Amino acid sequence: MENIKEEFRVKSEEVVEKVKQLIHEGNVRRIIIKDETGKVYLEIPVTIGVIGALIAPMLAAVGAIAAMVAHLKIEVIRNEEPEKKD
């Protein structure tokens, strides 16, 4: 199984909604929130346990970070199934 990295640039007011969307997609392993220079503000491991009890405090932390920084990058690491060969 390989990991695929994606990066999204978002405005501060869009960060919480984008993180919620990514978590609900299901194949995301980790979400990393950075500023434009690459400084990491928050790393969220997305596991079954995180989805349950810890999602609300993490989203509150994301909102607090977004209030401090105008533009952010969200790096997403996804699980990707290896391609099946016929």
PDB file of N, CA and C in Angstrom:
ATOM      1  N   MET A   1       0.843  -1.168   0.000  1.00  0.00           N
ATOM      2  CA  MET A   1       0.000   0.000   0.000  1.00  0.00           C
ATOM      3  C   MET A   1       0.893   1.238   0.000  1.00  0.00           C
ATOM      4  N   GLU A   2       0.600   2.171  -0.855  1.00  0.00           N
ATOM      5  CA  GLU A   2       1.377   3.403  -0.968  1.00  0.00           C
ATOM      6  C   GLU A   2       0.631   4.557  -0.318  1.00  0.00           C
ATOM      7  N   ASN A   3       1.399   5.586   0.047  1.00  0.00           N
ATOM      8  CA  ASN A   3       0.802   6.816   0.558  1.00  0.00           C
ATOM      9  C   ASN A   3       0.852   7.871  -0.533  1.00  0.00           C
ATOM     10  N   ILE A   4      -0.214   8.583  -0.711  1.00  0.00           N
ATOM     11  CA  ILE A   4      -0.319   9.654  -1.687  1.00  0.00           C
ATOM     12  C   ILE A   4      -0.404  10.971  -0.937  1.00  0.00           C
ATOM     13  N   LYS A   5       0.378  11.970  -1.356  1.00  0.00           N
ATOM     14  CA  LYS A   5       0.325  13.291  -0.731  1.00  0.00           C
ATOM     15  C   LYS A   5      -0.382  14.270  -1.655  1.00  0.00           C
ATOM     16  N   GLU A   6      -1.228  15.086  -1.074  1.00  0.00           N
ATOM     17  CA  GLU A   6      -1.895  16.177  -1.779  1.00  0.00           C
ATOM     18  C   GLU A   6      -1.721  17.425  -0.939  1.00  0.00           C
ATOM     19  N   GLU A   7      -1.772  18.579  -1.594  1.00  0.00           N
ATOM     20  CA  GLU A   7      -1.681  19.826  -0.852  1.00  0.00           C
ATOM     21  C   GLU A   7      -2.742  20.787  -1.357  1.00  0.00           C
ATOM     22  N   PHE A   8      -3.445  21.423  -0.426  1.00  0.00           N
ATOM     23  CA  PHE A   8      -4.482  22.386  -0.752  1.00  0.00           C
ATOM     24  C   PHE A   8      -4.104  23.719  -0.133  1.00  0.00           C
ATOM     25  N   ARG A   9      -4.316  24.798  -0.849  1.00  0.00           N
ATOM     26  CA  ARG A   9      -4.153  26.141  -0.297  1.00  0.00           C
ATOM     27  C   ARG A   9      -5.545  26.677  -0.009  1.00  0.00           C
ATOM     28  N   VAL A  10      -5.737  27.129   1.215  1.00  0.00           N
ATOM     29  CA  VAL A  10      -7.060  27.608   1.621  1.00  0.00           C
ATOM     30  C   VAL A  10      -6.934  28.903   2.405  1.00  0.00           C
ATOM     31  N   LYS A  11      -8.009  29.678   2.370  1.00  0.00           N
ATOM     32  CA  LYS A  11      -8.090  30.885   3.188  1.00  0.00           C
ATOM     33  C   LYS A  11      -8.507  30.468   4.591  1.00  0.00           C
ATOM     34  N   SER A  12      -8.226  31.322   5.552  1.00  0.00           N
ATOM     35  CA  SER A  12      -8.486  30.966   6.945  1.00  0.00           C
ATOM     36  C   SER A  12      -9.946  30.587   7.203  1.00  0.00           C
ATOM     37  N   GLU A  13     -10.879  31.265   6.558  1.00  0.00           N
ATOM     38  CA  GLU A  13     -12.291  30.973   6.807  1.00  0.00           C
ATOM     39  C   GLU A  13     -12.741  29.643   6.207  1.00  0.00           C
ATOM     40  N   GLU A  14     -11.932  29.032   5.353  1.00  0.00           N
ATOM     41  CA  GLU A  14     -12.290  27.774   4.694  1.00  0.00           C
ATOM     42  C   GLU A  14     -11.651  26.549   5.351  1.00  0.00           C
ATOM     43  N   VAL A  15     -10.734  26.759   6.287  1.00  0.00           N
ATOM     44  CA  VAL A  15      -9.924  25.670   6.819  1.00  0.00           C
ATOM     45  C   VAL A  15     -10.760  24.614   7.536  1.00  0.00           C
ATOM     46  N   VAL A  16     -11.620  25.011   8.452  1.00  0.00           N
ATOM     47  CA  VAL A  16     -12.373  24.040   9.242  1.00  0.00           C
ATOM     48  C   VAL A  16     -13.265  23.182   8.344  1.00  0.00           C
ATOM     49  N   GLU A  17     -13.945  23.802   7.399  1.00  0.00           N
ATOM     50  CA  GLU A  17     -14.810  23.032   6.492  1.00  0.00           C
ATOM     51  C   GLU A  17     -14.004  22.055   5.639  1.00  0.00           C
ATOM     52  N   LYS A  18     -12.841  22.477   5.161  1.00  0.00           N
ATOM     53  CA  LYS A  18     -11.994  21.603   4.344  1.00  0.00           C
ATOM     54  C   LYS A  18     -11.507  20.411   5.167  1.00  0.00           C
ATOM     55  N   VAL A  19     -11.102  20.655   6.409  1.00  0.00           N
ATOM     56  CA  VAL A  19     -10.647  19.564   7.278  1.00  0.00           C
ATOM     57  C   VAL A  19     -11.784  18.585   7.541  1.00  0.00           C
ATOM     58  N   LYS A  20     -12.992  19.085   7.819  1.00  0.00           N
ATOM     59  CA  LYS A  20     -14.157  18.207   8.017  1.00  0.00           C
ATOM     60  C   LYS A  20     -14.396  17.347   6.781  1.00  0.00           C
ATOM     61  N   GLN A  21     -14.339  17.977   5.622  1.00  0.00           N
ATOM     62  CA  GLN A  21     -14.558  17.264   4.365  1.00  0.00           C
ATOM     63  C   GLN A  21     -13.522  16.158   4.189  1.00  0.00           C
ATOM     64  N   LEU A  22     -12.263  16.467   4.441  1.00  0.00           N
ATOM     65  CA  LEU A  22     -11.194  15.484   4.273  1.00  0.00           C
ATOM     66  C   LEU A  22     -11.357  14.310   5.232  1.00  0.00           C
ATOM     67  N   ILE A  23     -11.724  14.591   6.474  1.00  0.00           N
ATOM     68  CA  ILE A  23     -11.894  13.520   7.465  1.00  0.00           C
ATOM     69  C   ILE A  23     -13.007  12.572   7.038  1.00  0.00           C
ATOM     70  N   HIS A  24     -14.084  13.112   6.486  1.00  0.00           N
ATOM     71  CA  HIS A  24     -15.219  12.278   6.090  1.00  0.00           C
ATOM     72  C   HIS A  24     -14.973  11.481   4.809  1.00  0.00           C
ATOM     73  N   GLU A  25     -13.910  11.794   4.079  1.00  0.00           N
ATOM     74  CA  GLU A  25     -13.613  11.037   2.856  1.00  0.00           C
ATOM     75  C   GLU A  25     -13.186   9.608   3.162  1.00  0.00           C
ATOM     76  N   GLY A  26     -12.581   9.384   4.317  1.00  0.00           N
ATOM     77  CA  GLY A  26     -12.314   8.020   4.740  1.00  0.00           C
ATOM     78  C   GLY A  26     -10.941   7.457   4.442  1.00  0.00           C
ATOM     79  N   ASN A  27     -10.271   7.852   3.383  1.00  0.00           N
ATOM     80  CA  ASN A  27      -8.972   7.271   3.066  1.00  0.00           C
ATOM     81  C   ASN A  27      -7.802   8.174   3.467  1.00  0.00           C
ATOM     82  N   VAL A  28      -8.069   9.152   4.308  1.00  0.00           N
ATOM     83  CA  VAL A  28      -7.040  10.088   4.763  1.00  0.00           C
ATOM     84  C   VAL A  28      -6.381   9.523   6.013  1.00  0.00           C
ATOM     85  N   ARG A  29      -5.050   9.478   6.015  1.00  0.00           N
ATOM     86  CA  ARG A  29      -4.304   8.981   7.176  1.00  0.00           C
ATOM     87  C   ARG A  29      -3.838  10.107   8.080  1.00  0.00           C
ATOM     88  N   ARG A  30      -3.466  11.235   7.487  1.00  0.00           N
ATOM     89  CA  ARG A  30      -2.895  12.333   8.260  1.00  0.00           C
ATOM     90  C   ARG A  30      -3.198  13.648   7.561  1.00  0.00           C
ATOM     91  N   ILE A  31      -3.502  14.673   8.357  1.00  0.00           N
ATOM     92  CA  ILE A  31      -3.720  16.024   7.845  1.00  0.00           C
ATOM     93  C   ILE A  31      -2.714  16.926   8.538  1.00  0.00           C
ATOM     94  N   ILE A  32      -1.962  17.687   7.753  1.00  0.00           N
ATOM     95  CA  ILE A  32      -0.949  18.584   8.296  1.00  0.00           C
ATOM     96  C   ILE A  32      -1.308  20.001   7.869  1.00  0.00           C
ATOM     97  N   ILE A  33      -1.423  20.896   8.848  1.00  0.00           N
ATOM     98  CA  ILE A  33      -1.774  22.284   8.558  1.00  0.00           C
ATOM     99  C   ILE A  33      -0.518  23.131   8.715  1.00  0.00           C
ATOM    100  N   LYS A  34      -0.176  23.862   7.635  1.00  0.00           N
ATOM    101  CA  LYS A  34       1.045  24.662   7.583  1.00  0.00           C
ATOM    102  C   LYS A  34       0.707  26.081   7.148  1.00  0.00           C
ATOM    103  N   ASP A  35       1.648  27.004   7.392  1.00  0.00           N
ATOM    104  CA  ASP A  35       1.487  28.335   6.818  1.00  0.00           C
ATOM    105  C   ASP A  35       2.158  28.355   5.447  1.00  0.00           C
ATOM    106  N   GLU A  36       2.163  29.518   4.817  1.00  0.00           N
ATOM    107  CA  GLU A  36       2.704  29.625   3.452  1.00  0.00           C
ATOM    108  C   GLU A  36       4.194  29.338   3.381  1.00  0.00           C
ATOM    109  N   THR A  37       4.919  29.514   4.506  1.00  0.00           N
ATOM    110  CA  THR A  37       6.365  29.264   4.511  1.00  0.00           C
ATOM    111  C   THR A  37       6.696  27.812   4.817  1.00  0.00           C
ATOM    112  N   GLY A  38       5.693  27.017   5.164  1.00  0.00           N
ATOM    113  CA  GLY A  38       5.919  25.609   5.457  1.00  0.00           C
ATOM    114  C   GLY A  38       5.988  25.280   6.936  1.00  0.00           C
ATOM    115  N   LYS A  39       5.807  26.270   7.807  1.00  0.00           N
ATOM    116  CA  LYS A  39       5.816  26.027   9.253  1.00  0.00           C
ATOM    117  C   LYS A  39       4.584  25.212   9.623  1.00  0.00           C
ATOM    118  N   VAL A  40       4.792  24.085  10.296  1.00  0.00           N
ATOM    119  CA  VAL A  40       3.702  23.201  10.673  1.00  0.00           C
ATOM    120  C   VAL A  40       3.053  23.710  11.951  1.00  0.00           C
ATOM    121  N   TYR A  41       1.734  23.917  11.903  1.00  0.00           N
ATOM    122  CA  TYR A  41       0.973  24.342  13.066  1.00  0.00           C
ATOM    123  C   TYR A  41       0.283  23.176  13.760  1.00  0.00           C
ATOM    124  N   LEU A  42      -0.190  22.213  12.989  1.00  0.00           N
ATOM    125  CA  LEU A  42      -0.947  21.110  13.568  1.00  0.00           C
ATOM    126  C   LEU A  42      -0.856  19.899  12.658  1.00  0.00           C
ATOM    127  N   GLU A  43      -0.646  18.730  13.270  1.00  0.00           N
ATOM    128  CA  GLU A  43      -0.676  17.464  12.553  1.00  0.00           C
ATOM    129  C   GLU A  43      -1.774  16.622  13.169  1.00  0.00           C
ATOM    130  N   ILE A  44      -2.688  16.164  12.332  1.00  0.00           N
ATOM    131  CA  ILE A  44      -3.821  15.388  12.833  1.00  0.00           C
ATOM    132  C   ILE A  44      -3.742  13.981  12.256  1.00  0.00           C
ATOM    133  N   PRO A  45      -3.482  12.978  13.108  1.00  0.00           N
ATOM    134  CA  PRO A  45      -3.569  11.599  12.617  1.00  0.00           C
ATOM    135  C   PRO A  45      -5.046  11.220  12.540  1.00  0.00           C
ATOM    136  N   VAL A  46      -5.491  10.808  11.390  1.00  0.00           N
ATOM    137  CA  VAL A  46      -6.916  10.495  11.217  1.00  0.00           C
ATOM    138  C   VAL A  46      -7.081   8.981  11.308  1.00  0.00           C
ATOM    139  N   THR A  47      -7.592   8.539  12.447  1.00  0.00           N
ATOM    140  CA  THR A  47      -7.864   7.124  12.673  1.00  0.00           C
ATOM    141  C   THR A  47      -9.296   6.994  13.148  1.00  0.00           C
ATOM    142  N   ILE A  48      -9.752   5.796  13.312  1.00  0.00           N
ATOM    143  CA  ILE A  48     -11.128   5.580  13.771  1.00  0.00           C
ATOM    144  C   ILE A  48     -11.350   6.235  15.129  1.00  0.00           C
ATOM    145  N   GLY A  49     -10.381   6.173  16.025  1.00  0.00           N
ATOM    146  CA  GLY A  49     -10.517   6.790  17.340  1.00  0.00           C
ATOM    147  C   GLY A  49     -10.636   8.299  17.261  1.00  0.00           C
ATOM    148  N   VAL A  50      -9.912   8.917  16.331  1.00  0.00           N
ATOM    149  CA  VAL A  50      -9.960  10.370  16.180  1.00  0.00           C
ATOM    150  C   VAL A  50     -11.328  10.808  15.694  1.00  0.00           C
ATOM    151  N   ILE A  51     -11.910  10.066  14.811  1.00  0.00           N
ATOM    152  CA  ILE A  51     -13.207  10.431  14.256  1.00  0.00           C
ATOM    153  C   ILE A  51     -14.241  10.561  15.377  1.00  0.00           C
ATOM    154  N   GLY A  52     -14.168   9.705  16.377  1.00  0.00           N
ATOM    155  CA  GLY A  52     -15.162   9.719  17.438  1.00  0.00           C
ATOM    156  C   GLY A  52     -14.970  10.846  18.428  1.00  0.00           C
ATOM    157  N   ALA A  53     -14.223  10.594  19.468  1.00  0.00           N
ATOM    158  CA  ALA A  53     -14.164  11.486  20.626  1.00  0.00           C
ATOM    159  C   ALA A  53     -13.317  12.735  20.430  1.00  0.00           C
ATOM    160  N   LEU A  54     -12.319  12.683  19.594  1.00  0.00           N
ATOM    161  CA  LEU A  54     -11.362  13.791  19.522  1.00  0.00           C
ATOM    162  C   LEU A  54     -11.612  14.794  18.403  1.00  0.00           C
ATOM    163  N   ILE A  55     -12.603  14.590  17.577  1.00  0.00           N
ATOM    164  CA  ILE A  55     -12.794  15.460  16.419  1.00  0.00           C
ATOM    165  C   ILE A  55     -13.149  16.893  16.806  1.00  0.00           C
ATOM    166  N   ALA A  56     -14.012  17.087  17.780  1.00  0.00           N
ATOM    167  CA  ALA A  56     -14.435  18.445  18.154  1.00  0.00           C
ATOM    168  C   ALA A  56     -13.285  19.292  18.689  1.00  0.00           C
ATOM    169  N   PRO A  57     -12.466  18.792  19.627  1.00  0.00           N
ATOM    170  CA  PRO A  57     -11.327  19.611  20.080  1.00  0.00           C
ATOM    171  C   PRO A  57     -10.325  19.903  18.966  1.00  0.00           C
ATOM    172  N   MET A  58     -10.124  18.944  18.064  1.00  0.00           N
ATOM    173  CA  MET A  58      -9.190  19.174  16.957  1.00  0.00           C
ATOM    174  C   MET A  58      -9.714  20.251  16.021  1.00  0.00           C
ATOM    175  N   LEU A  59     -11.012  20.232  15.753  1.00  0.00           N
ATOM    176  CA  LEU A  59     -11.591  21.264  14.884  1.00  0.00           C
ATOM    177  C   LEU A  59     -11.533  22.628  15.561  1.00  0.00           C
ATOM    178  N   ALA A  60     -11.664  22.671  16.879  1.00  0.00           N
ATOM    179  CA  ALA A  60     -11.520  23.934  17.609  1.00  0.00           C
ATOM    180  C   ALA A  60     -10.097  24.460  17.477  1.00  0.00           C
ATOM    181  N   ALA A  61      -9.112  23.565  17.555  1.00  0.00           N
ATOM    182  CA  ALA A  61      -7.713  23.964  17.384  1.00  0.00           C
ATOM    183  C   ALA A  61      -7.462  24.469  15.970  1.00  0.00           C
ATOM    184  N   VAL A  62      -8.041  23.806  14.982  1.00  0.00           N
ATOM    185  CA  VAL A  62      -7.909  24.243  13.587  1.00  0.00           C
ATOM    186  C   VAL A  62      -8.495  25.637  13.424  1.00  0.00           C
ATOM    187  N   GLY A  63      -9.654  25.881  14.028  1.00  0.00           N
ATOM    188  CA  GLY A  63     -10.287  27.203  13.955  1.00  0.00           C
ATOM    189  C   GLY A  63      -9.438  28.278  14.597  1.00  0.00           C
ATOM    190  N   ALA A  64      -8.803  27.961  15.720  1.00  0.00           N
ATOM    191  CA  ALA A  64      -7.942  28.925  16.401  1.00  0.00           C
ATOM    192  C   ALA A  64      -6.721  29.268  15.551  1.00  0.00           C
ATOM    193  N   ILE A  65      -6.148  28.271  14.913  1.00  0.00           N
ATOM    194  CA  ILE A  65      -5.003  28.506  14.035  1.00  0.00           C
ATOM    195  C   ILE A  65      -5.427  29.355  12.850  1.00  0.00           C
ATOM    196  N   ALA A  66      -6.566  29.044  12.282  1.00  0.00           N
ATOM    197  CA  ALA A  66      -7.062  29.788  11.123  1.00  0.00           C
ATOM    198  C   ALA A  66      -7.290  31.254  11.464  1.00  0.00           C
ATOM    199  N   ALA A  67      -7.663  31.541  12.689  1.00  0.00           N
ATOM    200  CA  ALA A  67      -7.893  32.926  13.099  1.00  0.00           C
ATOM    201  C   ALA A  67      -6.584  33.723  13.141  1.00  0.00           C
ATOM    202  N   MET A  68      -5.463  33.037  13.317  1.00  0.00           N
ATOM    203  CA  MET A  68      -4.162  33.708  13.416  1.00  0.00           C
ATOM    204  C   MET A  68      -3.473  33.898  12.068  1.00  0.00           C
ATOM    205  N   VAL A  69      -3.767  33.042  11.107  1.00  0.00           N
ATOM    206  CA  VAL A  69      -3.038  33.030   9.840  1.00  0.00           C
ATOM    207  C   VAL A  69      -4.031  33.202   8.692  1.00  0.00           C
ATOM    208  N   ALA A  70      -3.710  34.104   7.758  1.00  0.00           N
ATOM    209  CA  ALA A  70      -4.644  34.400   6.664  1.00  0.00           C
ATOM    210  C   ALA A  70      -4.737  33.277   5.636  1.00  0.00           C
ATOM    211  N   HIS A  71      -3.593  32.759   5.220  1.00  0.00           N
ATOM    212  CA  HIS A  71      -3.575  31.705   4.196  1.00  0.00           C
ATOM    213  C   HIS A  71      -2.820  30.508   4.739  1.00  0.00           C
ATOM    214  N   LEU A  72      -3.386  29.335   4.537  1.00  0.00           N
ATOM    215  CA  LEU A  72      -2.784  28.112   5.046  1.00  0.00           C
ATOM    216  C   LEU A  72      -2.683  27.081   3.943  1.00  0.00           C
ATOM    217  N   LYS A  73      -1.816  26.111   4.162  1.00  0.00           N
ATOM    218  CA  LYS A  73      -1.721  24.941   3.294  1.00  0.00           C
ATOM    219  C   LYS A  73      -2.168  23.747   4.117  1.00  0.00           C
ATOM    220  N   ILE A  74      -2.933  22.887   3.500  1.00  0.00           N
ATOM    221  CA  ILE A  74      -3.319  21.635   4.139  1.00  0.00           C
ATOM    222  C   ILE A  74      -2.687  20.519   3.324  1.00  0.00           C
ATOM    223  N   GLU A  75      -1.782  19.775   3.952  1.00  0.00           N
ATOM    224  CA  GLU A  75      -1.168  18.623   3.299  1.00  0.00           C
ATOM    225  C   GLU A  75      -1.928  17.391   3.769  1.00  0.00           C
ATOM    226  N   VAL A  76      -2.306  16.559   2.819  1.00  0.00           N
ATOM    227  CA  VAL A  76      -3.098  15.370   3.122  1.00  0.00           C
ATOM    228  C   VAL A  76      -2.317  14.146   2.687  1.00  0.00           C
ATOM    229  N   ILE A  77      -2.195  13.182   3.579  1.00  0.00           N
ATOM    230  CA  ILE A  77      -1.562  11.910   3.242  1.00  0.00           C
ATOM    231  C   ILE A  77      -2.667  10.871   3.235  1.00  0.00           C
ATOM    232  N   ARG A  78      -2.837  10.230   2.095  1.00  0.00           N
ATOM    233  CA  ARG A  78      -3.921   9.262   1.898  1.00  0.00           C
ATOM    234  C   ARG A  78      -3.365   7.857   1.725  1.00  0.00           C
ATOM    235  N   ASN A  79      -4.179   6.881   2.082  1.00  0.00           N
ATOM    236  CA  ASN A  79      -3.886   5.490   1.753  1.00  0.00           C
ATOM    237  C   ASN A  79      -4.294   5.271   0.312  1.00  0.00           C
ATOM    238  N   GLU A  80      -3.481   4.619  -0.416  1.00  0.00           N
ATOM    239  CA  GLU A  80      -3.830   4.288  -1.802  1.00  0.00           C
ATOM    240  C   GLU A  80      -3.557   2.824  -2.028  1.00  0.00           C
ATOM    241  N   GLU A  81      -4.541   2.113  -2.460  1.00  0.00           N
ATOM    242  CA  GLU A  81      -4.383   0.710  -2.760  1.00  0.00           C
ATOM    243  C   GLU A  81      -3.476   0.551  -3.974  1.00  0.00           C
ATOM    244  N   PRO A  82      -2.587  -0.411  -3.975  1.00  0.00           N
ATOM    245  CA  PRO A  82      -1.779  -0.632  -5.181  1.00  0.00           C
ATOM    246  C   PRO A  82      -2.673  -1.049  -6.344  1.00  0.00           C
ATOM    247  N   GLU A  83      -2.293  -0.595  -7.527  1.00  0.00           N
ATOM    248  CA  GLU A  83      -3.086  -0.935  -8.705  1.00  0.00           C
ATOM    249  C   GLU A  83      -2.996  -2.434  -8.972  1.00  0.00           C
ATOM    250  N   LYS A  84      -4.141  -3.035  -9.284  1.00  0.00           N
ATOM    251  CA  LYS A  84      -4.160  -4.467  -9.588  1.00  0.00           C
ATOM    252  C   LYS A  84      -3.785  -4.657 -11.044  1.00  0.00           C
ATOM    253  N   LYS A  85      -2.900  -5.623 -11.275  1.00  0.00           N
ATOM    254  CA  LYS A  85      -2.466  -5.930 -12.646  1.00  0.00           C
ATOM    255  C   LYS A  85      -3.213  -7.148 -13.140  1.00  0.00           C
ATOM    256  N   ASP A  86      -3.691  -7.053 -14.358  1.00  0.00           N
ATOM    257  CA  ASP A  86      -4.449  -8.172 -14.948  1.00  0.00           C
ATOM    258  C   ASP A  86      -3.543  -9.243 -15.451  1.00  0.00           C
TER     259      ASP A  86
END
